[in-house]
């Protein structure tokens, strides 16, 4: 059984996200929805606590890449704190350290945090989120193209999304 969860808090112009367990395609959509609301509300200072994150997949990482890019467009900052060595390797290998502040000093965690609902999107929504996340990684660093081109091609075909060929 997966006990993964995402805890969130917003205090004024700052937001805090705590990843517990797995950061994966299963909870990336909930994080994306929460963060899109933050952007809509003008909140561009985010801290993501990874201390209890035991696993990251490419969809979750690509979601963070897209969100980090959006926040930078507004001169904001996404701080990734308390990163384990394995997760640090993932962030660096995929180029996320270019747009996210990795292992920044950790602010004090808010006392009151709420759990994001798991909210499983439809199969199509999940597929579109995965496609967007992997395209985010490819756009972030061209070295990611060989890593994810087959995933992107498969998702486009599965979803009936036109390719770039």
Protein backbone atom coordinates (compact mmCIF):
# COMPACT_ATOMS: atom_id res chain seq x y z
CA UNK A 1 0.00 0.00 0.00
CA UNK A 2 1.24 3.44 -0.95
CA UNK A 3 1.19 5.91 1.95
CA UNK A 4 2.40 8.79 -0.18
CA UNK A 5 0.89 12.19 0.43
CA UNK A 6 1.45 15.82 -0.36
CA UNK A 7 0.98 18.38 2.41
CA UNK A 8 0.52 22.04 1.50
CA UNK A 9 0.22 25.40 3.16
CA UNK A 10 -0.04 28.97 2.01
CA UNK A 11 0.95 31.85 4.24
CA UNK A 12 0.54 35.21 2.55
CA UNK A 13 2.82 35.39 -0.48
CA UNK A 14 4.59 32.12 0.35
CA UNK A 15 3.62 28.50 -0.22
CA UNK A 16 4.99 25.31 1.27
CA UNK A 17 4.73 21.81 -0.23
CA UNK A 18 5.91 18.73 1.65
CA UNK A 19 6.32 15.51 -0.35
CA UNK A 20 5.97 12.38 1.78
CA UNK A 21 6.67 9.05 0.11
CA UNK A 22 6.48 8.95 -3.66
CA UNK A 23 6.37 11.97 -5.94
CA UNK A 24 4.85 10.37 -9.01
CA UNK A 25 2.32 10.63 -11.82
CA UNK A 26 -0.28 9.64 -9.23
CA UNK A 27 0.02 12.92 -7.30
CA UNK A 28 1.61 15.24 -9.89
CA UNK A 29 -1.81 16.43 -11.10
CA UNK A 30 -2.85 17.49 -7.59
CA UNK A 31 0.41 19.41 -7.12
CA UNK A 32 0.00 21.05 -10.53
CA UNK A 33 -3.58 22.15 -9.74
CA UNK A 34 -2.55 23.55 -6.34
CA UNK A 35 0.38 25.45 -7.88
CA UNK A 36 -1.68 26.80 -10.77
CA UNK A 37 -3.99 28.35 -8.16
CA UNK A 38 -0.95 29.86 -6.43
CA UNK A 39 0.16 31.46 -9.71
CA UNK A 40 -3.36 32.74 -10.36
CA UNK A 41 -3.33 34.28 -6.86
CA UNK A 42 0.09 35.90 -7.42
CA UNK A 43 2.02 33.61 -5.04
CA UNK A 44 5.49 33.05 -6.53
CA UNK A 45 7.65 32.06 -3.54
CA UNK A 46 7.42 28.31 -2.97
CA UNK A 47 9.32 25.87 -0.79
CA UNK A 48 9.18 22.15 -1.58
CA UNK A 49 10.39 19.92 1.27
CA UNK A 50 11.80 16.63 -0.06
CA UNK A 51 13.17 15.20 3.19
CA UNK A 52 10.59 12.40 3.33
CA UNK A 53 10.38 11.87 -0.44
CA UNK A 54 11.44 8.30 -1.16
CA UNK A 55 10.91 8.25 -4.92
CA UNK A 56 10.53 10.66 -7.84
CA UNK A 57 9.35 9.73 -11.30
CA UNK A 58 9.83 11.73 -14.47
CA UNK A 59 6.21 12.93 -14.54
CA UNK A 60 6.53 14.51 -11.09
CA UNK A 61 9.92 16.00 -11.99
CA UNK A 62 8.57 17.33 -15.29
CA UNK A 63 5.61 18.85 -13.47
CA UNK A 64 8.04 20.64 -11.13
CA UNK A 65 10.03 21.81 -14.16
CA UNK A 66 6.96 23.34 -15.78
CA UNK A 67 5.85 24.99 -12.55
CA UNK A 68 9.36 26.28 -11.86
CA UNK A 69 9.50 27.83 -15.32
CA UNK A 70 6.13 29.51 -14.78
CA UNK A 71 7.20 30.96 -11.41
CA UNK A 72 10.45 32.31 -12.92
CA UNK A 73 8.41 34.18 -15.54
CA UNK A 74 7.02 36.16 -12.59
CA UNK A 75 10.46 36.65 -10.95
CA UNK A 76 9.50 34.10 -8.29
CA UNK A 77 11.51 31.25 -6.84
CA UNK A 78 10.95 27.58 -6.12
CA UNK A 79 13.22 26.33 -3.34
CA UNK A 80 13.70 22.58 -3.09
CA UNK A 81 14.91 21.81 0.43
CA UNK A 82 16.20 18.78 2.34
CA UNK A 83 16.98 16.81 -0.82
CA UNK A 84 18.35 13.29 -0.42
CA UNK A 85 21.48 12.38 -2.41
CA UNK A 86 19.49 10.13 -4.78
CA UNK A 87 16.90 12.82 -5.49
CA UNK A 88 19.67 15.42 -5.90
CA UNK A 89 21.17 13.23 -8.61
CA UNK A 90 17.81 13.15 -10.42
CA UNK A 91 17.38 16.93 -10.23
CA UNK A 92 20.90 17.50 -11.58
CA UNK A 93 20.79 14.80 -14.29
CA UNK A 94 17.58 16.25 -15.74
CA UNK A 95 18.69 19.88 -15.48
CA UNK A 96 16.15 21.02 -12.87
CA UNK A 97 18.95 22.62 -10.87
CA UNK A 98 19.00 25.29 -13.61
CA UNK A 99 15.55 26.62 -12.75
CA UNK A 100 14.95 25.49 -9.18
CA UNK A 101 16.95 26.49 -6.12
CA UNK A 102 18.07 23.04 -4.94
CA UNK A 103 19.03 22.49 -1.29
CA UNK A 104 18.37 26.10 -0.41
CA UNK A 105 18.23 26.87 3.31
CA UNK A 106 14.97 25.48 4.65
CA UNK A 107 12.56 27.93 6.24
CA UNK A 108 10.57 26.83 9.24
CA UNK A 109 7.75 24.56 8.19
CA UNK A 110 4.26 25.94 8.77
CA UNK A 111 2.45 24.46 11.74
CA UNK A 112 -0.79 23.92 9.87
CA UNK A 113 -0.62 21.99 6.62
CA UNK A 114 -3.38 20.30 4.67
CA UNK A 115 -3.18 17.12 2.65
CA UNK A 116 -3.88 17.51 -1.04
CA UNK A 117 -6.64 15.19 -2.18
CA UNK A 118 -5.31 12.33 -4.27
CA UNK A 119 -7.87 13.20 -6.96
CA UNK A 120 -7.18 10.66 -9.67
CA UNK A 121 -7.71 12.41 -12.99
CA UNK A 122 -9.28 10.60 -15.92
CA UNK A 123 -7.00 8.39 -17.98
CA UNK A 124 -6.90 11.08 -20.71
CA UNK A 125 -6.12 13.91 -18.23
CA UNK A 126 -3.40 11.78 -16.66
CA UNK A 127 -1.93 11.06 -20.09
CA UNK A 128 -2.01 14.74 -21.08
CA UNK A 129 -0.30 15.67 -17.79
CA UNK A 130 2.39 13.04 -18.42
CA UNK A 131 2.91 14.34 -21.97
CA UNK A 132 3.22 17.93 -20.76
CA UNK A 133 5.62 16.93 -17.96
CA UNK A 134 7.93 15.04 -20.32
CA UNK A 135 7.87 17.86 -22.85
CA UNK A 136 8.81 20.22 -19.99
CA UNK A 137 11.89 18.09 -19.29
CA UNK A 138 12.87 18.01 -22.97
CA UNK A 139 12.41 21.77 -23.30
CA UNK A 140 14.44 22.35 -20.13
CA UNK A 141 17.49 20.46 -21.32
CA UNK A 142 18.03 19.05 -24.84
CA UNK A 143 20.02 16.18 -23.28
CA UNK A 144 16.66 14.88 -22.02
CA UNK A 145 15.35 14.30 -25.56
CA UNK A 146 16.91 10.84 -26.00
CA UNK A 147 15.71 9.88 -22.51
CA UNK A 148 12.07 10.75 -23.11
CA UNK A 149 11.39 10.87 -26.87
CA UNK A 150 9.90 7.36 -26.90
CA UNK A 151 7.64 8.18 -23.93
CA UNK A 152 6.45 11.35 -25.68
CA UNK A 153 5.86 9.48 -28.96
CA UNK A 154 3.90 6.74 -27.18
CA UNK A 155 1.77 9.23 -25.24
CA UNK A 156 1.02 11.27 -28.38
CA UNK A 157 -0.06 8.15 -30.22
CA UNK A 158 -2.10 6.84 -27.29
CA UNK A 159 -3.82 10.20 -26.80
CA UNK A 160 -4.29 10.95 -30.50
CA UNK A 161 -2.20 14.11 -30.21
CA UNK A 162 -0.52 15.17 -33.47
CA UNK A 163 3.24 14.62 -33.55
CA UNK A 164 5.95 17.04 -34.66
CA UNK A 165 7.20 14.74 -37.43
